[in-house]
Amino acid sequence: MTALSTEEEMGQHQEKYGAVLALLASLFFMWGFITVINNTLLPHLRSVFNLSYTQTTLIESTWFVGYLIASLPAAWLIERIGYQKALITGLLVMTAGSLGMVLAASLPSYGVTLTSLFTVSCGIALLQVAANPYVAVIGPAQSSESRLTLVQAFNTTGDALAIIFGRYLILSRTKGGTSGEGVKLSLAQRMTDAHATELPYFIVALALAGLATMIALAKLPVLGASAQRAGAEQRRHLSLWRQRHLILGCFAIFLYVLAEIGVGNLFINFASQPIIANITHEQAAGYLFLVWGGMAVGRFAGAFIMRQIAPERVLAFFSLGALASALVATFAHGPAAMYGLIVIGLFHSIMFPTIFALAIKGLGPLTEEGSGLLIMSIAGGALVFIQGNIADRYGIQWAFIVTTLCELYILFYALWGCKPTSAPPPETPV
């Protein structure tokens, strides 16, 4: 009788957290979706406002400054209002930013566009600080990398679908999107194109508001004491800065995001070059779908691979593949260079969730603060303007030298940097 009761209890426990993971997966999907709309938005804005590559990538830099500013306050906010209210707040902030994008398109206004994108990124930063460690610690510690990679796969599914969304609701409805690279548009054509983002962002705002309502009505479990922020007395004996694997992991996240964002943001303009694939922006968006599609496939596969093979070994293998792909994109010619950039999506797939889970492993009561530092490291995407500057000065292919260097550091982290300074304390699943 006791054994049966225990069995039933375990089944109810798994069902309960399975439902929670499904709901959290929808969050990962949505912020991936709204982030990657930028990949089709940036070439659109480059055309509408007649921007250089440096100016275009500076828009994305503004987006990632939001992560830098919002991440640590997000950890403070979570401590005071809890994970569930923090998730709702993040979604409502993103909704406000999306409505701001509708306003920016109707004016049209470059300044309002930047402000609105910054607002959305602050909301996403809050979601990231709350959701990533939540997923990592609500189950067994030994499967945290696999579990986080699995829900991140839904994030990348959102990325892939965002490309289709942006291609058909932004690029295919504009003169700039259906023209080749370098075609000059009249002022009237550019102003007409500007209004193309009103409908997409209104749809996004409605979806975010609906998801916030779902989270508000859900019953999410409270994290156990081992994953809560340490009290003032306990903090005197604990320090994040002594956790080598966390600090080096912050650098790994910083450079990984720079690599990923550089690929996504420059891909359409890169593939449209006469010396690469010589296609329109709308056609290039179809190939960009393969980049994010490869990431989705890689994450679903990676979630199962890491149940059999140590996560750090999988990370090392994928970083080697990404390094080779970046070199092909930089030095090959014609469509081969474009295909090199497409394949890099597959190898990038498991990097963020694996680095994140390895970096917070064993932090216990410092998990929230460690997560805040890691999410703050997403601000590495703000340095994408460096790639834009290289593209303006030396040609867009040379911009991917930066990507190559980023992959080298991630390989270093996988082989040595992810090893904890000391053995992690035992963790009890929630």
Protein backbone atom coordinates (compact mmCIF):
# COMPACT_ATOMS: atom_id res chain seq x y z
CA MET A 1 0.00 0.00 0.00
CA THR A 2 2.82 2.38 0.92
CA ALA A 3 4.77 1.52 -2.24
CA LEU A 4 1.67 2.13 -4.34
CA SER A 5 1.07 5.49 -2.67
CA THR A 6 4.67 6.50 -3.28
CA GLU A 7 4.38 5.45 -6.93
CA GLU A 8 1.21 7.47 -7.38
CA GLU A 9 2.82 10.44 -5.68
CA MET A 10 5.82 10.28 -8.04
CA GLY A 11 3.49 10.08 -11.04
CA GLN A 12 1.56 13.13 -9.84
CA HIS A 13 4.88 14.94 -9.24
CA GLN A 14 6.06 14.27 -12.81
CA GLU A 15 2.68 15.22 -14.29
CA LYS A 16 2.65 18.45 -12.29
CA TYR A 17 6.08 19.57 -13.45
CA GLY A 18 5.44 18.33 -16.97
CA ALA A 19 2.55 20.80 -17.17
CA VAL A 20 4.75 23.55 -15.73
CA LEU A 21 7.50 22.84 -18.27
CA ALA A 22 4.93 22.97 -21.09
CA LEU A 23 3.77 26.41 -19.95
CA LEU A 24 7.35 27.62 -19.55
CA ALA A 25 8.16 26.29 -23.03
CA SER A 26 5.54 28.70 -24.39
CA LEU A 27 7.44 31.55 -22.71
CA PHE A 28 10.71 30.41 -24.30
CA PHE A 29 8.92 30.18 -27.65
CA MET A 30 7.54 33.70 -27.40
CA TRP A 31 10.71 35.51 -26.44
CA GLY A 32 12.63 33.63 -29.11
CA PHE A 33 9.97 34.63 -31.63
CA ILE A 34 10.02 38.34 -30.78
CA THR A 35 13.84 38.45 -30.61
CA VAL A 36 14.37 36.94 -34.05
CA ILE A 37 11.81 39.18 -35.73
CA ASN A 38 14.77 41.59 -35.53
CA ASN A 39 16.57 39.52 -38.19
CA THR A 40 13.97 40.60 -40.75
CA LEU A 41 13.32 43.95 -39.07
CA LEU A 42 16.91 45.21 -39.32
CA PRO A 43 17.30 44.95 -43.12
CA HIS A 44 13.85 46.53 -43.32
CA LEU A 45 14.90 49.46 -41.10
CA ARG A 46 18.21 49.76 -42.99
CA SER A 47 16.16 50.34 -46.13
CA VAL A 48 13.50 52.60 -44.54
CA PHE A 49 15.95 54.91 -42.75
CA ASN A 50 18.79 54.53 -45.31
CA LEU A 51 21.32 53.25 -42.73
CA SER A 52 24.89 51.96 -42.98
CA TYR A 53 25.77 48.51 -41.59
CA THR A 54 27.20 50.17 -38.48
CA GLN A 55 24.01 52.18 -37.90
CA THR A 56 21.87 49.10 -38.52
CA THR A 57 23.74 46.93 -36.04
CA LEU A 58 23.65 49.77 -33.50
CA ILE A 59 19.87 49.21 -33.38
CA GLU A 60 20.54 45.69 -32.17
CA SER A 61 23.13 47.06 -29.74
CA THR A 62 20.38 49.18 -28.18
CA TRP A 63 18.31 46.02 -27.81
CA PHE A 64 21.06 44.26 -25.86
CA VAL A 65 21.78 47.26 -23.66
CA GLY A 66 18.33 46.46 -22.26
CA TYR A 67 19.68 43.11 -21.02
CA LEU A 68 22.67 44.85 -19.42
CA ILE A 69 20.51 47.36 -17.57
CA ALA A 70 17.58 45.12 -16.61
CA SER A 71 19.20 41.82 -15.60
CA LEU A 72 20.48 42.55 -12.08
CA PRO A 73 17.40 44.59 -11.07
CA ALA A 74 15.39 41.62 -12.36
CA ALA A 75 17.01 39.33 -9.75
CA TRP A 76 16.14 41.90 -7.06
CA LEU A 77 12.54 42.08 -8.33
CA ILE A 78 12.15 38.28 -8.38
CA GLU A 79 13.23 38.12 -4.74
CA ARG A 80 10.51 40.56 -3.75
CA ILE A 81 7.54 39.54 -5.89
CA GLY A 82 8.35 35.91 -6.73
CA TYR A 83 8.89 34.06 -10.00
CA GLN A 84 5.28 34.00 -11.17
CA LYS A 85 4.63 37.74 -10.79
CA ALA A 86 8.03 38.46 -12.34
CA LEU A 87 7.08 36.43 -15.42
CA ILE A 88 3.79 38.33 -15.72
CA THR A 89 5.58 41.67 -15.33
CA GLY A 90 8.11 40.76 -18.02
CA LEU A 91 5.34 39.83 -20.46
CA LEU A 92 3.45 43.08 -19.80
CA VAL A 93 6.62 45.14 -20.34
CA MET A 94 7.14 43.31 -23.66
CA THR A 95 3.51 44.02 -24.59
CA ALA A 96 4.02 47.74 -23.98
CA GLY A 97 7.17 47.75 -26.11
CA SER A 98 5.40 45.93 -28.96
CA LEU A 99 2.59 48.50 -28.94
CA GLY A 100 5.33 51.15 -29.07
CA MET A 101 6.59 49.53 -32.28
CA VAL A 102 3.10 49.93 -33.76
CA LEU A 103 3.29 53.64 -32.90
CA ALA A 104 6.83 53.91 -34.31
CA ALA A 105 5.69 52.44 -37.65
CA SER A 106 2.68 54.74 -37.90
CA LEU A 107 4.71 57.93 -37.35
CA PRO A 108 7.33 56.66 -38.61
CA SER A 109 10.07 57.43 -36.06
CA TYR A 110 13.58 56.05 -35.64
CA GLY A 111 13.73 57.31 -32.03
CA VAL A 112 10.44 55.67 -31.01
CA THR A 113 11.63 52.47 -32.71
CA LEU A 114 14.79 52.38 -30.58
CA THR A 115 12.87 53.17 -27.37
CA SER A 116 10.28 50.47 -28.07
CA LEU A 117 12.86 47.79 -28.88
CA PHE A 118 14.74 48.71 -25.70
CA THR A 119 11.52 48.29 -23.69
CA VAL A 120 10.85 44.85 -25.21
CA SER A 121 14.40 43.73 -24.42
CA CYS A 122 14.04 44.79 -20.77
CA GLY A 123 10.93 42.62 -20.51
CA ILE A 124 12.74 39.67 -22.09
CA ALA A 125 15.67 40.12 -19.67
CA LEU A 126 13.26 39.76 -16.75
CA LEU A 127 11.77 36.61 -18.29
CA GLN A 128 15.23 35.15 -18.90
CA VAL A 129 16.45 35.76 -15.34
CA ALA A 130 13.31 34.11 -13.96
CA ALA A 131 12.67 31.24 -16.38
CA ASN A 132 16.16 29.83 -17.09
CA PRO A 133 17.12 28.97 -13.48
CA TYR A 134 13.52 27.92 -12.74
CA VAL A 135 13.69 25.25 -15.46
CA ALA A 136 17.21 24.22 -14.40
CA VAL A 137 16.33 23.52 -10.76
CA ILE A 138 12.75 22.18 -10.73
CA GLY A 139 13.94 18.68 -11.61
CA PRO A 140 16.91 16.40 -10.92
CA ALA A 141 20.26 18.22 -10.95
CA GLN A 142 21.87 15.57 -13.18
CA SER A 143 19.45 16.31 -16.03
CA SER A 144 19.39 20.13 -15.76
CA GLU A 145 21.40 20.65 -18.99
CA SER A 146 19.13 18.28 -20.92
CA ARG A 147 15.95 19.83 -19.49
CA LEU A 148 17.04 23.40 -20.21
CA THR A 149 18.16 22.45 -23.73
CA LEU A 150 14.74 20.87 -24.36
CA VAL A 151 12.76 24.00 -23.45
CA GLN A 152 15.32 26.14 -25.29
CA ALA A 153 14.41 24.07 -28.37
CA PHE A 154 10.97 25.67 -28.19
CA ASN A 155 12.72 29.03 -27.98
CA THR A 156 14.47 28.24 -31.25
CA THR A 157 11.24 26.96 -32.79
CA GLY A 158 9.92 30.45 -32.12
CA ASP A 159 13.06 31.83 -33.77
CA ALA A 160 12.42 29.81 -36.94
CA LEU A 161 8.73 30.72 -37.17
CA ALA A 162 9.60 34.40 -36.62
CA ILE A 163 11.56 34.34 -39.88
CA ILE A 164 8.48 33.13 -41.79
CA PHE A 165 6.36 35.70 -39.96
CA GLY A 166 8.77 38.55 -40.75
CA ARG A 167 9.34 37.41 -44.31
CA TYR A 168 5.68 37.44 -45.28
CA LEU A 169 4.35 40.23 -43.06
CA ILE A 170 7.30 42.63 -43.40
CA LEU A 171 9.73 41.93 -46.26
CA SER A 172 7.28 40.61 -48.88
CA ARG A 173 5.01 43.63 -48.34
CA THR A 174 7.73 46.24 -48.90
CA LYS A 175 9.60 47.59 -51.88
CA GLY A 176 12.90 47.31 -49.99
CA GLY A 177 12.25 43.68 -49.08
CA THR A 178 11.52 42.59 -52.65
CA SER A 179 14.50 44.43 -54.14
CA GLY A 180 18.12 43.36 -54.39
CA GLU A 181 20.93 44.57 -52.15
CA GLY A 182 21.94 48.18 -52.86
CA VAL A 183 18.74 49.28 -54.67
CA LYS A 184 17.97 52.92 -53.80
CA LEU A 185 14.37 53.74 -52.85
CA SER A 186 12.64 57.11 -53.06
CA LEU A 187 11.55 58.87 -49.86
CA ALA A 188 7.91 58.08 -50.64
CA GLN A 189 8.68 54.37 -51.09
CA ARG A 190 10.63 54.24 -47.82
CA MET A 191 7.83 55.94 -45.86
CA THR A 192 5.28 53.55 -47.33
CA ASP A 193 7.49 50.59 -46.38
CA ALA A 194 7.73 51.90 -42.81
CA HIS A 195 4.06 51.08 -42.12
CA ALA A 196 4.60 47.38 -42.85
CA THR A 197 5.53 46.67 -39.21
CA GLU A 198 2.24 47.93 -37.71
CA LEU A 199 0.26 44.70 -38.17
CA PRO A 200 3.05 42.25 -37.13
CA TYR A 201 3.73 44.02 -33.83
CA PHE A 202 0.04 44.44 -33.04
CA ILE A 203 -0.34 40.66 -33.41
CA VAL A 204 2.69 40.12 -31.17
CA ALA A 205 1.27 42.48 -28.51
CA LEU A 206 -2.01 40.53 -28.44
CA ALA A 207 -0.14 37.20 -28.09
CA LEU A 208 2.01 38.52 -25.23
CA ALA A 209 -1.01 39.88 -23.36
CA GLY A 210 -2.75 36.53 -23.75
CA LEU A 211 0.29 34.64 -22.44
CA ALA A 212 0.52 36.99 -19.44
CA THR A 213 -3.10 36.12 -18.63
CA MET A 214 -2.34 32.38 -18.84
CA ILE A 215 0.64 32.72 -16.48
CA ALA A 216 -1.47 34.77 -14.04
CA LEU A 217 -4.11 32.01 -13.89
CA ALA A 218 -1.59 29.13 -13.61
CA LYS A 219 -0.45 27.55 -10.34
CA LEU A 220 3.35 27.48 -10.49
CA PRO A 221 5.32 25.64 -7.77
CA VAL A 222 7.57 27.61 -5.46
CA LEU A 223 11.28 26.81 -5.69
CA GLY A 224 12.87 24.94 -2.80
CA ALA A 225 15.12 26.64 -0.29
CA SER A 226 18.30 25.47 -2.04
CA ALA A 227 17.47 27.61 -5.07
CA GLN A 228 16.40 30.74 -3.18
CA ARG A 229 18.51 33.86 -2.73
CA ALA A 230 20.75 33.57 0.31
CA GLY A 231 19.96 35.63 3.37
CA ALA A 232 22.23 38.46 4.48
CA GLU A 233 24.00 36.36 7.12
CA GLN A 234 24.52 33.44 4.75
CA ARG A 235 25.80 35.76 1.99
CA ARG A 236 28.79 36.73 4.15
CA HIS A 237 30.20 33.26 3.61
CA LEU A 238 29.31 32.94 -0.09
CA SER A 239 30.70 34.70 -3.14
CA LEU A 240 29.84 34.42 -6.80
CA TRP A 241 33.33 35.61 -7.73
CA ARG A 242 34.87 32.46 -6.25
CA GLN A 243 32.89 30.34 -8.69
CA ARG A 244 35.31 30.12 -11.63
CA HIS A 245 32.94 28.13 -13.82
CA LEU A 246 30.29 30.86 -13.40
CA ILE A 247 32.59 33.80 -14.18
CA LEU A 248 34.12 32.09 -17.23
CA GLY A 249 30.59 31.04 -18.19
CA CYS A 250 29.53 34.70 -18.21
CA PHE A 251 32.25 35.40 -20.78
CA ALA A 252 31.12 32.34 -22.76
CA ILE A 253 27.50 33.57 -22.84
CA PHE A 254 28.72 37.08 -23.73
CA LEU A 255 30.68 35.84 -26.75
CA TYR A 256 28.16 33.19 -27.78
CA VAL A 257 25.38 35.78 -28.03
CA LEU A 258 27.65 38.08 -30.05
CA ALA A 259 28.31 35.18 -32.45
CA GLU A 260 24.65 34.18 -32.74
CA ILE A 261 23.36 37.72 -33.17
CA GLY A 262 26.02 38.59 -35.73
CA VAL A 263 24.98 35.62 -37.87
CA GLY A 264 21.26 36.35 -37.61
CA ASN A 265 21.47 40.10 -38.16
CA LEU A 266 23.90 40.10 -41.07
CA PHE A 267 22.67 36.95 -42.84
CA ILE A 268 20.07 38.57 -45.13
CA ASN A 269 22.43 41.32 -46.30
CA PHE A 270 25.26 38.76 -46.55
CA ALA A 271 23.32 36.29 -48.71
CA SER A 272 22.02 39.12 -50.91
CA GLN A 273 25.54 40.15 -51.93
CA PRO A 274 26.24 39.62 -55.68
CA ILE A 275 29.43 37.70 -54.80
CA ILE A 276 27.57 35.36 -52.41
CA ALA A 277 24.08 34.22 -53.53
CA ASN A 278 22.82 37.37 -55.35
CA ILE A 279 19.21 37.06 -54.12
CA THR A 280 16.59 39.49 -52.77
CA HIS A 281 16.09 40.15 -49.07
CA GLU A 282 12.81 38.22 -49.10
CA GLN A 283 14.51 35.19 -50.70
CA ALA A 284 17.41 35.43 -48.23
CA ALA A 285 14.89 35.30 -45.36
CA GLY A 286 13.87 31.86 -46.65
CA TYR A 287 17.45 30.66 -46.24
CA LEU A 288 17.68 32.34 -42.83
CA PHE A 289 14.78 30.10 -41.79
CA LEU A 290 17.19 27.17 -42.28
CA VAL A 291 19.63 28.73 -39.79
CA TRP A 292 17.02 28.85 -37.04
CA GLY A 293 15.44 25.59 -38.16
CA GLY A 294 18.85 23.93 -37.74
CA MET A 295 19.08 25.37 -34.24
CA ALA A 296 15.66 23.94 -33.34
CA VAL A 297 16.60 20.49 -34.64
CA GLY A 298 19.96 20.64 -32.83
CA ARG A 299 18.35 21.53 -29.52
CA PHE A 300 15.75 18.77 -29.63
CA ALA A 301 18.49 16.29 -30.56
CA GLY A 302 20.92 17.74 -28.02
CA ALA A 303 18.43 17.32 -25.18
CA PHE A 304 18.56 13.55 -25.74
CA ILE A 305 22.26 13.31 -26.65
CA MET A 306 23.21 14.88 -23.31
CA ARG A 307 21.38 12.14 -21.47
CA GLN A 308 24.04 9.76 -22.81
CA ILE A 309 27.13 11.96 -23.24
CA ALA A 310 28.58 14.53 -20.83
CA PRO A 311 27.29 18.04 -21.69
CA GLU A 312 30.78 19.57 -21.76
CA ARG A 313 31.90 16.99 -24.38
CA VAL A 314 28.86 17.74 -26.53
CA LEU A 315 29.58 21.46 -26.19
CA ALA A 316 33.19 20.94 -27.31
CA PHE A 317 32.12 19.00 -30.40
CA PHE A 318 29.51 21.60 -31.39
CA SER A 319 31.94 24.50 -30.88
CA LEU A 320 34.43 22.82 -33.24
CA GLY A 321 31.68 22.51 -35.85
CA ALA A 322 30.71 26.17 -35.42
CA LEU A 323 34.36 27.22 -35.74
CA ALA A 324 34.72 25.37 -39.06
CA SER A 325 31.44 26.84 -40.35
CA ALA A 326 32.51 30.39 -39.46
CA LEU A 327 35.78 29.92 -41.36
CA VAL A 328 33.86 28.72 -44.45
CA ALA A 329 31.56 31.77 -44.29
CA THR A 330 34.57 34.08 -44.02
CA PHE A 331 36.83 32.67 -46.71
CA ALA A 332 34.66 30.73 -49.19
CA HIS A 333 32.99 32.34 -52.23
CA GLY A 334 29.54 32.12 -53.79
CA PRO A 335 26.69 30.07 -52.29
CA ALA A 336 29.21 27.90 -50.36
CA ALA A 337 29.85 30.83 -48.02
CA MET A 338 26.11 31.20 -47.43
CA TYR A 339 25.74 27.48 -46.70
CA GLY A 340 28.60 27.73 -44.21
CA LEU A 341 26.62 30.38 -42.35
CA ILE A 342 23.46 28.25 -42.53
CA VAL A 343 25.17 25.21 -40.95
CA ILE A 344 26.46 27.30 -38.07
CA GLY A 345 22.88 27.42 -36.77
CA LEU A 346 22.94 23.68 -36.10
CA PHE A 347 26.20 23.94 -34.16
CA HIS A 348 25.03 26.96 -32.17
CA SER A 349 21.91 25.08 -31.09
CA ILE A 350 22.94 23.64 -27.73
CA MET A 351 25.43 26.34 -26.72
CA PHE A 352 23.34 28.82 -24.73
CA PRO A 353 21.39 26.35 -22.57
CA THR A 354 24.42 24.10 -22.03
CA ILE A 355 26.72 26.96 -21.02
CA PHE A 356 24.00 28.39 -18.78
CA ALA A 357 23.31 25.09 -16.99
CA LEU A 358 27.03 24.31 -16.56
CA ALA A 359 27.67 27.81 -15.20
CA ILE A 360 24.95 27.75 -12.49
CA LYS A 361 25.58 24.14 -11.48
CA GLY A 362 26.15 23.84 -7.74
CA LEU A 363 25.41 27.51 -6.93
CA GLY A 364 22.53 26.54 -4.59
CA PRO A 365 21.31 29.68 -2.78
CA LEU A 366 23.29 31.86 -5.21
CA THR A 367 21.37 30.55 -8.23
CA GLU A 368 19.28 33.71 -8.74
CA GLU A 369 22.27 36.04 -8.54
CA GLY A 370 24.33 33.79 -10.79
CA SER A 371 21.47 33.69 -13.27
CA GLY A 372 21.30 37.49 -13.18
CA LEU A 373 24.99 37.73 -14.09
CA LEU A 374 24.58 35.22 -16.93
CA ILE A 375 21.54 36.99 -18.37
CA MET A 376 23.37 40.30 -18.04
CA SER A 377 26.10 38.69 -20.16
CA ILE A 378 23.60 38.45 -23.02
CA ALA A 379 24.52 42.12 -23.47
CA GLY A 380 27.43 40.74 -25.51
CA GLY A 381 25.04 41.09 -28.42
CA ALA A 382 25.44 44.87 -28.06
CA LEU A 383 28.95 44.54 -29.55
CA VAL A 384 27.48 43.42 -32.87
CA PHE A 385 28.10 46.98 -34.10
CA ILE A 386 31.79 45.96 -34.26
CA GLN A 387 30.84 43.48 -36.98
CA GLY A 388 28.81 46.18 -38.69
CA ASN A 389 31.84 48.47 -38.65
CA ILE A 390 34.09 45.74 -40.08
CA ALA A 391 31.47 45.12 -42.81
CA ASP A 392 31.46 48.83 -43.74
CA ARG A 393 35.25 49.06 -43.80
CA TYR A 394 36.43 45.73 -45.22
CA GLY A 395 33.38 43.92 -46.60
CA ILE A 396 30.66 41.92 -44.93
CA GLN A 397 32.50 38.56 -45.12
CA TRP A 398 35.31 39.78 -42.88
CA ALA A 399 32.76 40.52 -40.15
CA PHE A 400 32.63 36.79 -39.41
CA ILE A 401 36.22 36.77 -38.16
CA VAL A 402 34.60 37.99 -34.93
CA THR A 403 32.36 34.91 -34.97
CA THR A 404 35.40 32.67 -35.38
CA LEU A 405 37.09 34.13 -32.30
CA CYS A 406 33.92 33.69 -30.26
CA GLU A 407 33.74 29.99 -31.16
CA LEU A 408 37.36 29.52 -30.04
CA TYR A 409 36.56 30.81 -26.56
CA ILE A 410 33.51 28.56 -26.25
CA LEU A 411 35.73 25.58 -27.13
CA PHE A 412 38.08 26.65 -24.31
CA TYR A 413 35.13 26.84 -21.89
CA ALA A 414 33.92 23.37 -22.86
CA LEU A 415 37.35 21.78 -22.45
CA TRP A 416 38.46 23.50 -19.23
CA GLY A 417 36.54 26.61 -18.13
CA CYS A 418 33.31 24.83 -17.15
CA LYS A 419 35.01 22.75 -14.45
CA PRO A 420 33.87 23.99 -10.99
CA THR A 421 36.57 25.30 -8.65
CA SER A 422 35.30 22.85 -6.04
CA ALA A 423 32.82 19.99 -6.01
CA PRO A 424 29.27 21.37 -6.07
CA PRO A 425 27.15 20.84 -2.95
CA PRO A 426 24.40 18.24 -3.19
CA GLU A 427 21.17 19.62 -4.67
CA THR A 428 17.68 18.46 -3.88
CA PRO A 429 15.08 18.68 -6.65
CA VAL A 430 12.01 20.73 -5.87
